[in-house]
Amino acid sequence: MKKLFLPLATLILLSFTTNDSSLTKSERKFAIEQFKNSKNHLLSAIKGLSEAQLNFKAGPESWSIAECTEHIAITESALFGMFEGTLKQPADPSKRSEVKMTDQQVMSLVTDRTTKVKTQEPFKPTGKFGSHEGAVKEFVTKRDEHIKFIKETKDDLRDRYQQLPFGTIDAYQLIIFISGHTERHIKQIEEVKANANFPKN
């Protein structure tokens, strides 16, 4: 009986370990840090701003800081919804060759504001959260939920994919993209604050 038990126990143990395609410790740590850091960076960038400062526009086509913040809140949910869609796909390691960019390249691409991108209509700020405070609350709530997901997920994020205008990325890189998108618009907020006509208070 003991002779049968040991091989059986080994087989059961292997069935739980060899199929584990969840994130590595370093991948999980990096993603969590990116999400936490960009959240804190945004909150720091908008802290203590007056109504005049929040609503100042550098030009008729420019966004205010309040509008940038609302856009960040809108896309936090929209991009994570896109990410959740990738998880419904079956994992397919054979498509790895379609992913041409590294994680760092994805981050660099999305945070680079030398190339401006026209925002699609569903992602434009329209006051949907009722106030600047409402937009901030929405962002923080969703971001905390997403950080919790990253901490706990056992999903294979490397063998599921999303097609974006610049190419194919994997689901983990889409997580990186979300954080990078926040940083991209924090840069925009900092540009508004650096404007010569930005209100002093």
N, C-alpha and C. Protein backbone atom coordinates (compact mmCIF):
# COMPACT_ATOMS: atom_id res chain seq x y z
N MET A 1 0.84 -1.21 0.00
CA MET A 1 0.00 0.00 0.00
C MET A 1 0.87 1.25 0.00
N LYS A 2 1.92 1.24 0.82
CA LYS A 2 2.83 2.39 0.88
C LYS A 2 3.50 2.61 -0.46
N LYS A 3 3.81 1.50 -1.16
CA LYS A 3 4.47 1.61 -2.45
C LYS A 3 3.56 2.31 -3.48
N LEU A 4 2.26 2.08 -3.37
CA LEU A 4 1.31 2.72 -4.26
C LEU A 4 1.06 4.17 -3.86
N PHE A 5 1.09 4.43 -2.56
CA PHE A 5 0.74 5.77 -2.05
C PHE A 5 1.74 6.83 -2.49
N LEU A 6 3.04 6.53 -2.42
CA LEU A 6 4.06 7.52 -2.72
C LEU A 6 4.01 7.99 -4.18
N PRO A 7 3.95 7.08 -5.17
CA PRO A 7 3.83 7.56 -6.55
C PRO A 7 2.54 8.36 -6.78
N LEU A 8 1.45 7.93 -6.14
CA LEU A 8 0.18 8.64 -6.29
C LEU A 8 0.27 10.04 -5.71
N ALA A 9 0.88 10.18 -4.55
CA ALA A 9 1.03 11.49 -3.91
C ALA A 9 1.90 12.40 -4.77
N THR A 10 2.96 11.82 -5.35
CA THR A 10 3.83 12.61 -6.22
C THR A 10 3.09 13.10 -7.45
N LEU A 11 2.27 12.23 -8.03
CA LEU A 11 1.49 12.60 -9.21
C LEU A 11 0.52 13.73 -8.90
N ILE A 12 -0.14 13.63 -7.77
CA ILE A 12 -1.09 14.68 -7.36
C ILE A 12 -0.37 16.00 -7.15
N LEU A 13 0.80 15.95 -6.50
CA LEU A 13 1.58 17.16 -6.23
C LEU A 13 2.01 17.82 -7.53
N LEU A 14 2.48 17.02 -8.48
CA LEU A 14 2.93 17.55 -9.76
C LEU A 14 1.80 18.17 -10.54
N SER A 15 0.60 17.59 -10.41
CA SER A 15 -0.55 18.12 -11.15
C SER A 15 -0.89 19.52 -10.70
N PHE A 16 -0.50 19.88 -9.48
CA PHE A 16 -0.77 21.23 -8.97
C PHE A 16 0.38 22.19 -9.25
N THR A 17 1.56 21.69 -9.49
CA THR A 17 2.72 22.57 -9.63
C THR A 17 3.13 22.81 -11.08
N THR A 18 3.07 21.79 -11.92
CA THR A 18 3.58 21.95 -13.28
C THR A 18 2.68 22.80 -14.14
N ASN A 19 1.41 22.93 -13.80
CA ASN A 19 0.49 23.72 -14.60
C ASN A 19 0.36 25.16 -14.09
N ASP A 20 1.15 25.53 -13.12
CA ASP A 20 1.05 26.87 -12.54
C ASP A 20 1.75 27.87 -13.45
N SER A 21 0.94 28.69 -14.15
CA SER A 21 1.49 29.70 -15.05
C SER A 21 1.23 31.11 -14.52
N SER A 22 1.06 31.21 -13.22
CA SER A 22 0.78 32.51 -12.63
C SER A 22 2.04 33.37 -12.65
N LEU A 23 1.88 34.62 -12.26
CA LEU A 23 2.99 35.57 -12.30
C LEU A 23 4.15 35.13 -11.42
N THR A 24 5.36 35.48 -11.85
CA THR A 24 6.51 35.28 -10.98
C THR A 24 6.45 36.32 -9.87
N LYS A 25 7.23 36.12 -8.82
CA LYS A 25 7.26 37.07 -7.71
C LYS A 25 7.69 38.46 -8.19
N SER A 26 8.69 38.49 -9.06
CA SER A 26 9.19 39.78 -9.54
C SER A 26 8.17 40.48 -10.44
N GLU A 27 7.46 39.73 -11.27
CA GLU A 27 6.42 40.32 -12.12
C GLU A 27 5.29 40.90 -11.27
N ARG A 28 4.86 40.13 -10.30
CA ARG A 28 3.77 40.59 -9.44
C ARG A 28 4.20 41.83 -8.65
N LYS A 29 5.41 41.79 -8.12
CA LYS A 29 5.93 42.92 -7.34
C LYS A 29 6.02 44.17 -8.20
N PHE A 30 6.52 44.02 -9.41
CA PHE A 30 6.68 45.17 -10.30
C PHE A 30 5.32 45.79 -10.64
N ALA A 31 4.34 44.96 -10.98
CA ALA A 31 3.02 45.46 -11.34
C ALA A 31 2.35 46.17 -10.17
N ILE A 32 2.44 45.57 -8.99
CA ILE A 32 1.84 46.19 -7.80
C ILE A 32 2.50 47.54 -7.52
N GLU A 33 3.82 47.58 -7.62
CA GLU A 33 4.54 48.84 -7.37
C GLU A 33 4.13 49.90 -8.38
N GLN A 34 4.01 49.52 -9.64
CA GLN A 34 3.60 50.47 -10.67
C GLN A 34 2.22 51.04 -10.38
N PHE A 35 1.30 50.17 -9.98
CA PHE A 35 -0.07 50.62 -9.70
C PHE A 35 -0.12 51.51 -8.46
N LYS A 36 0.61 51.14 -7.44
CA LYS A 36 0.62 51.95 -6.21
C LYS A 36 1.32 53.28 -6.45
N ASN A 37 2.46 53.24 -7.13
CA ASN A 37 3.24 54.47 -7.34
C ASN A 37 2.49 55.47 -8.21
N SER A 38 1.85 55.00 -9.28
CA SER A 38 1.14 55.93 -10.16
C SER A 38 -0.11 56.47 -9.47
N LYS A 39 -0.74 55.66 -8.62
CA LYS A 39 -1.87 56.16 -7.83
C LYS A 39 -1.41 57.28 -6.91
N ASN A 40 -0.35 57.04 -6.16
CA ASN A 40 0.15 58.05 -5.22
C ASN A 40 0.68 59.29 -5.95
N HIS A 41 1.27 59.07 -7.12
CA HIS A 41 1.80 60.18 -7.91
C HIS A 41 0.65 61.11 -8.34
N LEU A 42 -0.46 60.52 -8.78
CA LEU A 42 -1.61 61.33 -9.18
C LEU A 42 -2.17 62.11 -8.00
N LEU A 43 -2.37 61.42 -6.88
CA LEU A 43 -2.94 62.09 -5.71
C LEU A 43 -2.05 63.23 -5.23
N SER A 44 -0.75 63.04 -5.34
CA SER A 44 0.19 64.09 -4.96
C SER A 44 0.12 65.27 -5.92
N ALA A 45 -0.02 64.97 -7.22
CA ALA A 45 -0.02 66.01 -8.25
C ALA A 45 -1.24 66.92 -8.14
N ILE A 46 -2.36 66.40 -7.64
CA ILE A 46 -3.59 67.20 -7.59
C ILE A 46 -3.93 67.68 -6.18
N LYS A 47 -3.12 67.30 -5.22
CA LYS A 47 -3.41 67.64 -3.81
C LYS A 47 -3.38 69.15 -3.59
N GLY A 48 -4.41 69.64 -2.91
CA GLY A 48 -4.44 71.03 -2.48
C GLY A 48 -4.73 72.06 -3.56
N LEU A 49 -5.09 71.62 -4.77
CA LEU A 49 -5.35 72.58 -5.84
C LEU A 49 -6.73 73.22 -5.66
N SER A 50 -6.79 74.50 -5.96
CA SER A 50 -8.06 75.23 -5.85
C SER A 50 -8.95 74.93 -7.06
N GLU A 51 -10.21 75.37 -6.99
CA GLU A 51 -11.13 75.20 -8.11
C GLU A 51 -10.58 75.90 -9.36
N ALA A 52 -10.02 77.08 -9.15
CA ALA A 52 -9.46 77.82 -10.29
C ALA A 52 -8.31 77.06 -10.93
N GLN A 53 -7.47 76.47 -10.10
CA GLN A 53 -6.34 75.71 -10.62
C GLN A 53 -6.80 74.42 -11.30
N LEU A 54 -7.77 73.74 -10.71
CA LEU A 54 -8.28 72.49 -11.28
C LEU A 54 -8.93 72.71 -12.64
N ASN A 55 -9.56 73.87 -12.82
CA ASN A 55 -10.33 74.13 -14.03
C ASN A 55 -9.63 75.02 -15.05
N PHE A 56 -8.39 75.41 -14.75
CA PHE A 56 -7.62 76.23 -15.69
C PHE A 56 -7.29 75.45 -16.95
N LYS A 57 -7.45 76.12 -18.10
CA LYS A 57 -7.09 75.52 -19.38
C LYS A 57 -6.06 76.41 -20.08
N ALA A 58 -5.02 75.79 -20.59
CA ALA A 58 -3.97 76.54 -21.27
C ALA A 58 -4.44 77.08 -22.62
N GLY A 59 -5.48 76.47 -23.18
CA GLY A 59 -6.01 76.89 -24.47
C GLY A 59 -7.38 76.28 -24.69
N PRO A 60 -8.10 76.72 -25.71
CA PRO A 60 -9.46 76.23 -25.94
C PRO A 60 -9.55 74.73 -26.20
N GLU A 61 -8.50 74.14 -26.75
CA GLU A 61 -8.50 72.70 -27.05
C GLU A 61 -7.81 71.88 -25.95
N SER A 62 -7.31 72.57 -24.94
CA SER A 62 -6.57 71.88 -23.87
C SER A 62 -7.51 71.35 -22.80
N TRP A 63 -7.06 70.34 -22.10
CA TRP A 63 -7.80 69.83 -20.95
C TRP A 63 -7.32 70.51 -19.68
N SER A 64 -8.25 70.68 -18.76
CA SER A 64 -7.89 71.15 -17.42
C SER A 64 -7.38 69.98 -16.60
N ILE A 65 -6.85 70.27 -15.43
CA ILE A 65 -6.40 69.20 -14.52
C ILE A 65 -7.59 68.33 -14.10
N ALA A 66 -8.73 68.97 -13.84
CA ALA A 66 -9.92 68.20 -13.47
C ALA A 66 -10.33 67.25 -14.60
N GLU A 67 -10.22 67.71 -15.84
CA GLU A 67 -10.58 66.85 -16.98
C GLU A 67 -9.57 65.72 -17.16
N CYS A 68 -8.30 66.01 -16.95
CA CYS A 68 -7.28 64.95 -17.01
C CYS A 68 -7.57 63.88 -15.98
N THR A 69 -7.93 64.32 -14.78
CA THR A 69 -8.21 63.37 -13.70
C THR A 69 -9.43 62.53 -14.03
N GLU A 70 -10.46 63.16 -14.59
CA GLU A 70 -11.65 62.40 -14.97
C GLU A 70 -11.32 61.37 -16.06
N HIS A 71 -10.51 61.79 -17.02
CA HIS A 71 -10.11 60.86 -18.08
C HIS A 71 -9.36 59.66 -17.51
N ILE A 72 -8.49 59.90 -16.56
CA ILE A 72 -7.76 58.81 -15.90
C ILE A 72 -8.74 57.86 -15.22
N ALA A 73 -9.75 58.41 -14.55
CA ALA A 73 -10.74 57.58 -13.86
C ALA A 73 -11.56 56.76 -14.85
N ILE A 74 -11.95 57.38 -15.97
CA ILE A 74 -12.74 56.67 -16.99
C ILE A 74 -11.94 55.51 -17.57
N THR A 75 -10.70 55.79 -17.95
CA THR A 75 -9.91 54.76 -18.62
C THR A 75 -9.41 53.69 -17.66
N GLU A 76 -9.34 53.99 -16.38
CA GLU A 76 -8.96 52.95 -15.40
C GLU A 76 -9.91 51.77 -15.50
N SER A 77 -11.21 52.06 -15.54
CA SER A 77 -12.21 51.00 -15.64
C SER A 77 -12.24 50.41 -17.05
N ALA A 78 -12.16 51.28 -18.07
CA ALA A 78 -12.26 50.81 -19.45
C ALA A 78 -11.11 49.88 -19.83
N LEU A 79 -9.90 50.27 -19.48
CA LEU A 79 -8.73 49.45 -19.81
C LEU A 79 -8.72 48.15 -19.01
N PHE A 80 -9.16 48.23 -17.75
CA PHE A 80 -9.19 46.99 -16.97
C PHE A 80 -10.28 46.06 -17.51
N GLY A 81 -11.36 46.65 -18.03
CA GLY A 81 -12.38 45.83 -18.67
C GLY A 81 -11.83 45.12 -19.90
N MET A 82 -10.99 45.83 -20.66
CA MET A 82 -10.31 45.22 -21.80
C MET A 82 -9.41 44.07 -21.33
N PHE A 83 -8.69 44.33 -20.23
CA PHE A 83 -7.83 43.30 -19.64
C PHE A 83 -8.64 42.06 -19.24
N GLU A 84 -9.79 42.28 -18.61
CA GLU A 84 -10.63 41.15 -18.20
C GLU A 84 -11.11 40.36 -19.42
N GLY A 85 -11.30 41.06 -20.54
CA GLY A 85 -11.68 40.38 -21.76
C GLY A 85 -10.59 39.42 -22.24
N THR A 86 -9.33 39.80 -22.06
CA THR A 86 -8.24 38.91 -22.48
C THR A 86 -8.21 37.63 -21.64
N LEU A 87 -8.67 37.73 -20.39
CA LEU A 87 -8.66 36.55 -19.52
C LEU A 87 -9.70 35.51 -19.93
N LYS A 88 -10.65 35.93 -20.74
CA LYS A 88 -11.67 34.98 -21.22
C LYS A 88 -11.15 34.15 -22.38
N GLN A 89 -10.02 34.56 -22.95
CA GLN A 89 -9.41 33.78 -24.02
C GLN A 89 -8.69 32.56 -23.43
N PRO A 90 -8.63 31.47 -24.17
CA PRO A 90 -7.78 30.36 -23.71
C PRO A 90 -6.32 30.74 -23.82
N ALA A 91 -5.52 30.35 -22.85
CA ALA A 91 -4.08 30.62 -22.92
C ALA A 91 -3.49 29.90 -24.13
N ASP A 92 -2.62 30.59 -24.86
CA ASP A 92 -2.06 30.03 -26.09
C ASP A 92 -0.58 30.41 -26.22
N PRO A 93 0.30 29.57 -25.66
CA PRO A 93 1.74 29.86 -25.72
C PRO A 93 2.29 29.96 -27.14
N SER A 94 1.60 29.36 -28.11
CA SER A 94 2.10 29.35 -29.49
C SER A 94 2.10 30.74 -30.12
N LYS A 95 1.37 31.67 -29.53
CA LYS A 95 1.28 33.03 -30.08
C LYS A 95 2.29 34.00 -29.46
N ARG A 96 3.16 33.49 -28.60
CA ARG A 96 4.12 34.38 -27.93
C ARG A 96 4.97 35.17 -28.91
N SER A 97 5.25 34.59 -30.06
CA SER A 97 6.11 35.26 -31.05
C SER A 97 5.47 36.53 -31.60
N GLU A 98 4.15 36.67 -31.44
CA GLU A 98 3.47 37.87 -31.92
C GLU A 98 3.73 39.07 -31.03
N VAL A 99 4.18 38.83 -29.81
CA VAL A 99 4.50 39.92 -28.87
C VAL A 99 5.93 40.37 -29.15
N LYS A 100 6.07 41.58 -29.68
CA LYS A 100 7.37 42.08 -30.12
C LYS A 100 8.01 43.04 -29.12
N MET A 101 7.23 43.55 -28.16
CA MET A 101 7.74 44.58 -27.26
C MET A 101 8.01 44.01 -25.88
N THR A 102 9.03 44.54 -25.22
CA THR A 102 9.30 44.18 -23.83
C THR A 102 8.37 44.98 -22.93
N ASP A 103 8.31 44.61 -21.66
CA ASP A 103 7.48 45.34 -20.70
C ASP A 103 7.93 46.80 -20.62
N GLN A 104 9.23 47.02 -20.60
CA GLN A 104 9.76 48.38 -20.49
C GLN A 104 9.44 49.19 -21.73
N GLN A 105 9.46 48.57 -22.89
CA GLN A 105 9.11 49.28 -24.12
C GLN A 105 7.65 49.70 -24.13
N VAL A 106 6.79 48.85 -23.60
CA VAL A 106 5.36 49.19 -23.49
C VAL A 106 5.20 50.40 -22.57
N MET A 107 5.87 50.36 -21.43
CA MET A 107 5.79 51.47 -20.48
C MET A 107 6.32 52.76 -21.10
N SER A 108 7.45 52.68 -21.77
CA SER A 108 8.06 53.86 -22.39
C SER A 108 7.16 54.44 -23.47
N LEU A 109 6.53 53.57 -24.24
CA LEU A 109 5.67 54.02 -25.33
C LEU A 109 4.47 54.80 -24.81
N VAL A 110 3.80 54.25 -23.81
CA VAL A 110 2.57 54.88 -23.34
C VAL A 110 2.83 56.16 -22.55
N THR A 111 3.97 56.24 -21.89
CA THR A 111 4.26 57.44 -21.09
C THR A 111 4.90 58.57 -21.91
N ASP A 112 5.31 58.28 -23.13
CA ASP A 112 5.99 59.27 -23.97
C ASP A 112 4.97 60.23 -24.57
N ARG A 113 5.02 61.49 -24.15
CA ARG A 113 4.05 62.49 -24.62
C ARG A 113 4.57 63.31 -25.81
N THR A 114 5.67 62.90 -26.41
CA THR A 114 6.13 63.61 -27.59
C THR A 114 5.18 63.36 -28.77
N THR A 115 4.49 62.22 -28.73
CA THR A 115 3.48 61.91 -29.73
C THR A 115 2.11 62.02 -29.09
N LYS A 116 1.33 62.97 -29.53
CA LYS A 116 -0.01 63.18 -28.98
C LYS A 116 -0.99 62.21 -29.64
N VAL A 117 -1.95 61.72 -28.86
CA VAL A 117 -2.94 60.78 -29.35
C VAL A 117 -4.33 61.37 -29.10
N LYS A 118 -5.16 61.39 -30.14
CA LYS A 118 -6.52 61.92 -30.00
C LYS A 118 -7.38 60.92 -29.24
N THR A 119 -8.00 61.38 -28.17
CA THR A 119 -8.82 60.50 -27.32
C THR A 119 -10.14 60.18 -28.00
N GLN A 120 -10.52 58.92 -27.96
CA GLN A 120 -11.81 58.51 -28.52
C GLN A 120 -12.95 59.04 -27.66
N GLU A 121 -14.09 59.21 -28.28
CA GLU A 121 -15.25 59.84 -27.64
C GLU A 121 -15.63 59.25 -26.28
N PRO A 122 -15.68 57.91 -26.12
CA PRO A 122 -16.10 57.36 -24.83
C PRO A 122 -15.17 57.70 -23.67
N PHE A 123 -13.94 58.11 -23.97
CA PHE A 123 -12.95 58.37 -22.93
C PHE A 123 -12.76 59.86 -22.64
N LYS A 124 -13.55 60.70 -23.33
CA LYS A 124 -13.43 62.13 -23.11
C LYS A 124 -14.14 62.54 -21.83
N PRO A 125 -13.56 63.48 -21.07
CA PRO A 125 -14.19 63.94 -19.84
C PRO A 125 -15.47 64.73 -20.12
N THR A 126 -16.54 64.36 -19.43
CA THR A 126 -17.83 65.03 -19.63
C THR A 126 -18.50 65.37 -18.30
N GLY A 127 -17.79 65.19 -17.19
CA GLY A 127 -18.37 65.44 -15.88
C GLY A 127 -19.23 64.30 -15.38
N LYS A 128 -18.99 63.09 -15.86
CA LYS A 128 -19.85 61.95 -15.55
C LYS A 128 -19.83 61.56 -14.07
N PHE A 129 -18.80 61.94 -13.34
CA PHE A 129 -18.72 61.58 -11.92
C PHE A 129 -19.26 62.67 -11.00
N GLY A 130 -19.78 63.74 -11.60
CA GLY A 130 -20.45 64.78 -10.82
C GLY A 130 -19.55 65.88 -10.30
N SER A 131 -18.30 65.58 -10.06
CA SER A 131 -17.35 66.56 -9.52
C SER A 131 -15.94 66.00 -9.64
N HIS A 132 -14.97 66.88 -9.42
CA HIS A 132 -13.57 66.43 -9.40
C HIS A 132 -13.38 65.41 -8.28
N GLU A 133 -13.98 65.68 -7.13
CA GLU A 133 -13.86 64.76 -5.99
C GLU A 133 -14.45 63.40 -6.33
N GLY A 134 -15.56 63.42 -7.08
CA GLY A 134 -16.18 62.16 -7.50
C GLY A 134 -15.29 61.36 -8.41
N ALA A 135 -14.59 62.06 -9.32
CA ALA A 135 -13.67 61.38 -10.24
C ALA A 135 -12.50 60.77 -9.49
N VAL A 136 -11.97 61.52 -8.51
CA VAL A 136 -10.85 61.01 -7.71
C VAL A 136 -11.29 59.78 -6.92
N LYS A 137 -12.47 59.85 -6.33
CA LYS A 137 -12.99 58.72 -5.56
C LYS A 137 -13.16 57.49 -6.44
N GLU A 138 -13.68 57.69 -7.64
CA GLU A 138 -13.86 56.58 -8.59
C GLU A 138 -12.52 55.95 -8.94
N PHE A 139 -11.54 56.79 -9.22
CA PHE A 139 -10.22 56.28 -9.57
C PHE A 139 -9.61 55.47 -8.43
N VAL A 140 -9.63 56.02 -7.23
CA VAL A 140 -9.01 55.36 -6.08
C VAL A 140 -9.71 54.03 -5.79
N THR A 141 -11.04 54.02 -5.86
CA THR A 141 -11.79 52.78 -5.60
C THR A 141 -11.40 51.69 -6.59
N LYS A 142 -11.41 52.05 -7.88
CA LYS A 142 -11.09 51.06 -8.91
C LYS A 142 -9.63 50.65 -8.84
N ARG A 143 -8.74 51.61 -8.60
CA ARG A 143 -7.32 51.27 -8.55
C ARG A 143 -7.03 50.31 -7.40
N ASP A 144 -7.65 50.53 -6.25
CA ASP A 144 -7.44 49.63 -5.11
C ASP A 144 -7.97 48.23 -5.41
N GLU A 145 -9.10 48.16 -6.11
CA GLU A 145 -9.64 46.85 -6.52
C GLU A 145 -8.67 46.14 -7.46
N HIS A 146 -8.07 46.90 -8.35
CA HIS A 146 -7.16 46.30 -9.33
C HIS A 146 -5.84 45.87 -8.69
N ILE A 147 -5.38 46.62 -7.71
CA ILE A 147 -4.18 46.21 -6.97
C ILE A 147 -4.45 44.89 -6.24
N LYS A 148 -5.62 44.78 -5.65
CA LYS A 148 -6.00 43.54 -4.95
C LYS A 148 -6.02 42.37 -5.92
N PHE A 149 -6.54 42.61 -7.13
CA PHE A 149 -6.55 41.56 -8.14
C PHE A 149 -5.14 41.09 -8.47
N ILE A 150 -4.26 42.05 -8.72
CA ILE A 150 -2.88 41.71 -9.08
C ILE A 150 -2.21 40.91 -7.96
N LYS A 151 -2.49 41.27 -6.72
CA LYS A 151 -1.91 40.56 -5.58
C LYS A 151 -2.35 39.10 -5.54
N GLU A 152 -3.59 38.83 -5.97
CA GLU A 152 -4.20 37.52 -5.75
C GLU A 152 -4.29 36.63 -6.98
N THR A 153 -4.20 37.21 -8.19
CA THR A 153 -4.48 36.43 -9.38
C THR A 153 -3.52 35.26 -9.57
N LYS A 154 -4.06 34.17 -10.06
CA LYS A 154 -3.27 33.00 -10.44
C LYS A 154 -3.37 32.76 -11.95
N ASP A 155 -4.01 33.70 -12.64
CA ASP A 155 -4.22 33.55 -14.08
C ASP A 155 -2.90 33.64 -14.85
N ASP A 156 -2.88 32.99 -15.99
CA ASP A 156 -1.75 33.07 -16.91
C ASP A 156 -1.90 34.37 -17.70
N LEU A 157 -1.09 35.35 -17.39
CA LEU A 157 -1.18 36.65 -18.06
C LEU A 157 -0.20 36.80 -19.22
N ARG A 158 0.67 35.83 -19.39
CA ARG A 158 1.68 35.92 -20.45
C ARG A 158 1.22 35.25 -21.74
N ASP A 159 0.29 34.33 -21.65
CA ASP A 159 -0.13 33.58 -22.84
C ASP A 159 -1.54 33.94 -23.29
N ARG A 160 -1.98 35.12 -22.88
CA ARG A 160 -3.23 35.71 -23.37
C ARG A 160 -2.88 37.09 -23.92
N TYR A 161 -3.59 37.54 -24.94
CA TYR A 161 -3.09 38.67 -25.71
C TYR A 161 -4.17 39.70 -26.01
N GLN A 162 -3.71 40.91 -26.30
CA GLN A 162 -4.59 41.99 -26.71
C GLN A 162 -3.93 42.73 -27.88
N GLN A 163 -4.73 43.01 -28.89
CA GLN A 163 -4.23 43.73 -30.05
C GLN A 163 -4.49 45.22 -29.86
N LEU A 164 -3.44 46.01 -29.83
CA LEU A 164 -3.54 47.46 -29.73
C LEU A 164 -3.01 48.09 -31.02
N PRO A 165 -3.27 49.38 -31.25
CA PRO A 165 -2.83 49.99 -32.52
C PRO A 165 -1.35 49.83 -32.82
N PHE A 166 -0.53 49.75 -31.80
CA PHE A 166 0.92 49.64 -32.02
C PHE A 166 1.42 48.19 -32.05
N GLY A 167 0.52 47.22 -31.89
CA GLY A 167 0.93 45.82 -31.96
C GLY A 167 0.28 44.94 -30.91
N THR A 168 0.70 43.69 -30.87
CA THR A 168 0.16 42.72 -29.92
C THR A 168 0.95 42.77 -28.61
N ILE A 169 0.23 42.83 -27.51
CA ILE A 169 0.87 42.74 -26.20
C ILE A 169 0.18 41.64 -25.41
N ASP A 170 0.84 41.15 -24.37
CA ASP A 170 0.19 40.12 -23.55
C ASP A 170 -0.59 40.79 -22.41
N ALA A 171 -1.36 39.99 -21.70
CA ALA A 171 -2.25 40.53 -20.66
C ALA A 171 -1.47 41.22 -19.55
N TYR A 172 -0.30 40.69 -19.22
CA TYR A 172 0.52 41.35 -18.20
C TYR A 172 0.96 42.73 -18.67
N GLN A 173 1.34 42.83 -19.94
CA GLN A 173 1.75 44.12 -20.48
C GLN A 173 0.59 45.10 -20.54
N LEU A 174 -0.63 44.58 -20.66
CA LEU A 174 -1.79 45.47 -20.62
C LEU A 174 -1.94 46.07 -19.23
N ILE A 175 -1.62 45.28 -18.20
CA ILE A 175 -1.59 45.81 -16.83
C ILE A 175 -0.57 46.96 -16.74
N ILE A 176 0.62 46.72 -17.29
CA ILE A 176 1.66 47.74 -17.31
C ILE A 176 1.18 48.98 -18.06
N PHE A 177 0.47 48.76 -19.15
CA PHE A 177 -0.06 49.84 -19.97
C PHE A 177 -1.00 50.73 -19.16
N ILE A 178 -1.86 50.11 -18.33
CA ILE A 178 -2.81 50.87 -17.51
C ILE A 178 -2.08 51.83 -16.59
N SER A 179 -1.07 51.34 -15.90
CA SER A 179 -0.30 52.20 -15.01
C SER A 179 0.44 53.28 -15.78
N GLY A 180 0.99 52.91 -16.93
CA GLY A 180 1.69 53.88 -17.76
C GLY A 180 0.76 54.96 -18.28
N HIS A 181 -0.48 54.59 -18.57
CA HIS A 181 -1.47 55.57 -19.02
C HIS A 181 -1.72 56.62 -17.94
N THR A 182 -1.78 56.18 -16.68
CA THR A 182 -1.93 57.13 -15.58
C THR A 182 -0.76 58.10 -15.54
N GLU A 183 0.44 57.56 -15.66
CA GLU A 183 1.64 58.41 -15.63
C GLU A 183 1.67 59.37 -16.82
N ARG A 184 1.18 58.93 -17.96
CA ARG A 184 1.14 59.79 -19.15
C ARG A 184 0.34 61.05 -18.86
N HIS A 185 -0.81 60.88 -18.21
CA HIS A 185 -1.67 62.03 -17.97
C HIS A 185 -1.28 62.82 -16.72
N ILE A 186 -0.50 62.21 -15.84
CA ILE A 186 0.11 63.00 -14.77
C ILE A 186 1.10 63.99 -15.38
N LYS A 187 1.83 63.55 -16.40
CA LYS A 187 2.74 64.45 -17.12
C LYS A 187 1.94 65.61 -17.73
N GLN A 188 0.76 65.29 -18.24
CA GLN A 188 -0.09 66.33 -18.81
C GLN A 188 -0.52 67.32 -17.72
N ILE A 189 -0.85 66.80 -16.56
CA ILE A 189 -1.22 67.65 -15.42
C ILE A 189 -0.06 68.56 -15.05
N GLU A 190 1.14 68.01 -15.02
CA GLU A 190 2.32 68.81 -14.67
C GLU A 190 2.58 69.88 -15.73
N GLU A 191 2.26 69.60 -16.98
CA GLU A 191 2.41 70.59 -18.05
C GLU A 191 1.45 71.75 -17.82
N VAL A 192 0.22 71.43 -17.39
CA VAL A 192 -0.77 72.48 -17.10
C VAL A 192 -0.26 73.35 -15.95
N LYS A 193 0.25 72.72 -14.92
CA LYS A 193 0.72 73.47 -13.74
C LYS A 193 1.94 74.34 -14.07
N ALA A 194 2.69 73.95 -15.08
CA ALA A 194 3.89 74.70 -15.47
C ALA A 194 3.58 75.87 -16.41
N ASN A 195 2.33 75.96 -16.85
CA ASN A 195 1.95 77.04 -17.76
C ASN A 195 2.12 78.40 -17.08
N ALA A 196 2.60 79.37 -17.81
CA ALA A 196 2.87 80.70 -17.25
C ALA A 196 1.61 81.37 -16.69
N ASN A 197 0.45 81.02 -17.23
CA ASN A 197 -0.80 81.63 -16.79
C ASN A 197 -1.55 80.81 -15.74
N PHE A 198 -0.93 79.73 -15.28
CA PHE A 198 -1.60 78.89 -14.28
C PHE A 198 -1.85 79.72 -13.01
N PRO A 199 -3.08 79.69 -12.48
CA PRO A 199 -3.39 80.51 -11.29
C PRO A 199 -2.46 80.22 -10.12
N LYS A 200 -2.11 81.28 -9.42
CA LYS A 200 -1.22 81.12 -8.27
C LYS A 200 -1.93 80.44 -7.11
N ASN A 201 -3.23 80.60 -7.03
CA ASN A 201 -4.00 79.95 -5.95
C ASN A 201 -5.45 79.76 -6.40
